[in-house]
Amino acid sequence: AGEYIYYLQAGAFRDLSDAEATRARLALLGFEAAISDRTSDSGVLHRVRLGPYNQVEAMNKARAKLLDSGVDVAIVRNQR
């Protein structure tokens, strides 16, 4: 265990204001999210992410709470 870290991605937006709005919505639910930019061929995407989570359990717990609040998140797994 411990070879991966996990993030929950609440969305990726072309428009920074959309990313900010999503981050604000998460903050109201008690989640601190960060916006990270990723440049692709079609332009910049502003990704709204929660984490990092070092354990699957912690990540799943947060994900379940988000789903209960109507927030659909994607799981992102990165190698350490």
N, C-alpha and C. Protein backbone atom coordinates (compact mmCIF):
# COMPACT_ATOMS: atom_id res chain seq x y z
N ALA A 1 0.84 -1.20 0.00
CA ALA A 1 0.00 0.00 0.00
C ALA A 1 0.88 1.25 0.00
N GLY A 2 0.27 2.36 -0.39
CA GLY A 2 1.00 3.61 -0.34
C GLY A 2 1.78 3.95 -1.59
N GLU A 3 1.56 3.21 -2.67
CA GLU A 3 2.28 3.57 -3.89
C GLU A 3 1.50 4.57 -4.74
N TYR A 4 0.24 4.74 -4.38
CA TYR A 4 -0.59 5.68 -5.13
C TYR A 4 -1.14 6.77 -4.22
N ILE A 5 -1.38 7.93 -4.81
CA ILE A 5 -2.16 8.95 -4.12
C ILE A 5 -3.38 9.21 -4.99
N TYR A 6 -4.45 9.59 -4.32
CA TYR A 6 -5.72 9.76 -4.99
C TYR A 6 -6.23 11.19 -4.88
N TYR A 7 -6.90 11.59 -5.94
CA TYR A 7 -7.59 12.88 -5.95
C TYR A 7 -9.02 12.61 -6.38
N LEU A 8 -9.90 13.51 -6.00
CA LEU A 8 -11.26 13.48 -6.51
C LEU A 8 -11.42 14.71 -7.37
N GLN A 9 -11.81 14.51 -8.61
CA GLN A 9 -11.97 15.63 -9.52
C GLN A 9 -13.44 15.93 -9.70
N ALA A 10 -13.81 17.16 -9.32
CA ALA A 10 -15.22 17.56 -9.36
C ALA A 10 -15.59 18.17 -10.70
N GLY A 11 -14.60 18.31 -11.58
CA GLY A 11 -14.90 18.85 -12.89
C GLY A 11 -13.68 19.48 -13.51
N ALA A 12 -13.74 19.65 -14.81
CA ALA A 12 -12.68 20.34 -15.55
C ALA A 12 -13.39 21.33 -16.47
N PHE A 13 -13.01 22.58 -16.36
CA PHE A 13 -13.75 23.63 -17.06
C PHE A 13 -12.84 24.48 -17.93
N ARG A 14 -13.37 24.90 -19.06
CA ARG A 14 -12.62 25.83 -19.92
C ARG A 14 -12.63 27.22 -19.31
N ASP A 15 -13.74 27.51 -18.64
CA ASP A 15 -13.93 28.83 -18.07
C ASP A 15 -13.54 28.84 -16.60
N LEU A 16 -12.61 29.70 -16.22
CA LEU A 16 -12.15 29.75 -14.84
C LEU A 16 -13.29 30.08 -13.88
N SER A 17 -14.24 30.90 -14.32
CA SER A 17 -15.33 31.27 -13.43
C SER A 17 -16.20 30.05 -13.08
N ASP A 18 -16.31 29.11 -14.02
CA ASP A 18 -17.06 27.88 -13.74
C ASP A 18 -16.31 27.04 -12.70
N ALA A 19 -15.00 26.99 -12.83
CA ALA A 19 -14.18 26.25 -11.87
C ALA A 19 -14.29 26.88 -10.49
N GLU A 20 -14.23 28.21 -10.45
CA GLU A 20 -14.35 28.93 -9.17
C GLU A 20 -15.71 28.67 -8.52
N ALA A 21 -16.75 28.64 -9.33
CA ALA A 21 -18.10 28.41 -8.82
C ALA A 21 -18.20 27.01 -8.21
N THR A 22 -17.60 26.04 -8.87
CA THR A 22 -17.62 24.67 -8.36
C THR A 22 -16.81 24.59 -7.06
N ARG A 23 -15.68 25.27 -7.03
CA ARG A 23 -14.86 25.26 -5.82
C ARG A 23 -15.63 25.90 -4.66
N ALA A 24 -16.35 26.98 -4.94
CA ALA A 24 -17.13 27.66 -3.91
C ALA A 24 -18.24 26.74 -3.38
N ARG A 25 -18.87 26.02 -4.30
CA ARG A 25 -19.94 25.10 -3.91
C ARG A 25 -19.40 24.00 -2.99
N LEU A 26 -18.21 23.51 -3.31
CA LEU A 26 -17.57 22.48 -2.48
C LEU A 26 -17.22 23.06 -1.11
N ALA A 27 -16.77 24.31 -1.08
CA ALA A 27 -16.40 24.95 0.18
C ALA A 27 -17.62 25.05 1.09
N LEU A 28 -18.78 25.34 0.52
CA LEU A 28 -20.01 25.43 1.30
C LEU A 28 -20.36 24.08 1.91
N LEU A 29 -19.95 23.01 1.26
CA LEU A 29 -20.20 21.65 1.76
C LEU A 29 -19.11 21.21 2.73
N GLY A 30 -18.12 22.06 2.93
CA GLY A 30 -17.06 21.74 3.87
C GLY A 30 -15.85 21.07 3.26
N PHE A 31 -15.74 21.14 1.95
CA PHE A 31 -14.59 20.53 1.26
C PHE A 31 -13.68 21.59 0.69
N GLU A 32 -12.41 21.44 0.92
CA GLU A 32 -11.45 22.38 0.38
C GLU A 32 -10.89 21.82 -0.92
N ALA A 33 -11.18 22.50 -2.00
CA ALA A 33 -10.72 22.04 -3.31
C ALA A 33 -9.67 23.00 -3.85
N ALA A 34 -8.86 22.50 -4.75
CA ALA A 34 -7.85 23.33 -5.41
C ALA A 34 -8.12 23.31 -6.91
N ILE A 35 -7.78 24.41 -7.54
CA ILE A 35 -7.93 24.47 -9.00
C ILE A 35 -6.54 24.33 -9.61
N SER A 36 -6.40 23.35 -10.48
CA SER A 36 -5.11 23.19 -11.16
C SER A 36 -5.36 23.24 -12.67
N ASP A 37 -4.45 23.87 -13.35
CA ASP A 37 -4.62 24.04 -14.79
C ASP A 37 -3.88 22.96 -15.56
N ARG A 38 -4.50 22.54 -16.64
CA ARG A 38 -3.86 21.59 -17.51
C ARG A 38 -4.02 22.10 -18.93
N THR A 39 -2.90 22.22 -19.61
CA THR A 39 -2.95 22.70 -20.99
C THR A 39 -3.03 21.51 -21.94
N SER A 40 -3.99 21.56 -22.83
CA SER A 40 -4.13 20.52 -23.84
C SER A 40 -4.12 21.19 -25.21
N ASP A 41 -4.23 20.38 -26.23
CA ASP A 41 -4.22 20.91 -27.59
C ASP A 41 -5.36 21.91 -27.82
N SER A 42 -6.46 21.68 -27.12
CA SER A 42 -7.63 22.52 -27.35
C SER A 42 -7.71 23.71 -26.39
N GLY A 43 -6.65 23.92 -25.61
CA GLY A 43 -6.66 25.05 -24.69
C GLY A 43 -6.42 24.62 -23.25
N VAL A 44 -6.67 25.54 -22.35
CA VAL A 44 -6.44 25.27 -20.93
C VAL A 44 -7.71 24.76 -20.27
N LEU A 45 -7.56 23.73 -19.46
CA LEU A 45 -8.67 23.23 -18.65
C LEU A 45 -8.35 23.52 -17.20
N HIS A 46 -9.33 24.03 -16.48
CA HIS A 46 -9.18 24.31 -15.06
C HIS A 46 -9.84 23.16 -14.31
N ARG A 47 -9.01 22.35 -13.65
CA ARG A 47 -9.52 21.18 -12.97
C ARG A 47 -9.75 21.48 -11.50
N VAL A 48 -10.92 21.10 -11.00
CA VAL A 48 -11.24 21.30 -9.60
C VAL A 48 -11.04 19.96 -8.89
N ARG A 49 -10.06 19.94 -7.98
CA ARG A 49 -9.70 18.68 -7.34
C ARG A 49 -9.68 18.76 -5.83
N LEU A 50 -10.05 17.64 -5.22
CA LEU A 50 -9.97 17.47 -3.78
C LEU A 50 -8.89 16.44 -3.51
N GLY A 51 -8.17 16.66 -2.43
CA GLY A 51 -7.11 15.71 -2.11
C GLY A 51 -5.80 16.44 -1.92
N PRO A 52 -4.68 15.77 -1.90
CA PRO A 52 -4.53 14.32 -2.14
C PRO A 52 -4.97 13.47 -0.95
N TYR A 53 -5.43 12.28 -1.27
CA TYR A 53 -5.76 11.27 -0.27
C TYR A 53 -4.72 10.17 -0.38
N ASN A 54 -4.15 9.80 0.76
CA ASN A 54 -3.14 8.74 0.75
C ASN A 54 -3.76 7.36 0.85
N GLN A 55 -5.02 7.33 1.30
CA GLN A 55 -5.67 6.04 1.46
C GLN A 55 -6.97 5.99 0.70
N VAL A 56 -7.23 4.83 0.13
CA VAL A 56 -8.46 4.61 -0.63
C VAL A 56 -9.68 4.84 0.27
N GLU A 57 -9.58 4.39 1.52
CA GLU A 57 -10.72 4.50 2.44
C GLU A 57 -11.12 5.96 2.64
N ALA A 58 -10.12 6.80 2.87
CA ALA A 58 -10.40 8.22 3.10
C ALA A 58 -11.02 8.85 1.86
N MET A 59 -10.49 8.47 0.72
CA MET A 59 -11.00 9.00 -0.54
C MET A 59 -12.43 8.55 -0.79
N ASN A 60 -12.71 7.28 -0.53
CA ASN A 60 -14.05 6.75 -0.74
C ASN A 60 -15.06 7.39 0.20
N LYS A 61 -14.62 7.69 1.42
CA LYS A 61 -15.49 8.31 2.41
C LYS A 61 -15.89 9.71 1.93
N ALA A 62 -14.89 10.46 1.45
CA ALA A 62 -15.16 11.80 0.95
C ALA A 62 -16.06 11.72 -0.29
N ARG A 63 -15.80 10.75 -1.13
CA ARG A 63 -16.59 10.60 -2.36
C ARG A 63 -18.05 10.29 -2.04
N ALA A 64 -18.26 9.42 -1.06
CA ALA A 64 -19.63 9.06 -0.67
C ALA A 64 -20.37 10.28 -0.14
N LYS A 65 -19.67 11.10 0.66
CA LYS A 65 -20.28 12.30 1.22
C LYS A 65 -20.62 13.29 0.11
N LEU A 66 -19.75 13.39 -0.88
CA LEU A 66 -20.00 14.28 -2.01
C LEU A 66 -21.18 13.80 -2.84
N LEU A 67 -21.23 12.50 -3.08
CA LEU A 67 -22.34 11.95 -3.86
C LEU A 67 -23.67 12.19 -3.14
N ASP A 68 -23.65 12.08 -1.81
CA ASP A 68 -24.85 12.36 -1.01
C ASP A 68 -25.31 13.80 -1.21
N SER A 69 -24.34 14.68 -1.44
CA SER A 69 -24.64 16.09 -1.63
C SER A 69 -24.94 16.43 -3.09
N GLY A 70 -24.94 15.40 -3.93
CA GLY A 70 -25.26 15.61 -5.33
C GLY A 70 -24.08 16.04 -6.18
N VAL A 71 -22.87 15.83 -5.66
CA VAL A 71 -21.68 16.20 -6.41
C VAL A 71 -21.04 14.93 -6.97
N ASP A 72 -20.98 14.85 -8.27
CA ASP A 72 -20.38 13.68 -8.91
C ASP A 72 -18.90 13.95 -9.13
N VAL A 73 -18.06 13.07 -8.63
CA VAL A 73 -16.63 13.28 -8.77
C VAL A 73 -15.98 12.07 -9.44
N ALA A 74 -14.91 12.34 -10.14
CA ALA A 74 -14.13 11.28 -10.77
C ALA A 74 -12.91 11.00 -9.91
N ILE A 75 -12.52 9.74 -9.86
CA ILE A 75 -11.34 9.36 -9.09
C ILE A 75 -10.10 9.46 -9.98
N VAL A 76 -9.10 10.16 -9.48
CA VAL A 76 -7.84 10.28 -10.21
C VAL A 76 -6.76 9.62 -9.36
N ARG A 77 -6.06 8.66 -9.96
CA ARG A 77 -5.02 7.95 -9.22
C ARG A 77 -3.68 8.27 -9.83
N ASN A 78 -2.78 8.75 -8.99
CA ASN A 78 -1.43 9.08 -9.46
C ASN A 78 -0.42 8.24 -8.72
N GLN A 79 0.65 7.90 -9.42
CA GLN A 79 1.73 7.20 -8.72
C GLN A 79 2.51 8.23 -7.92
N ARG A 80 3.04 7.78 -6.78
CA ARG A 80 3.82 8.68 -5.94
C ARG A 80 5.08 9.08 -6.64
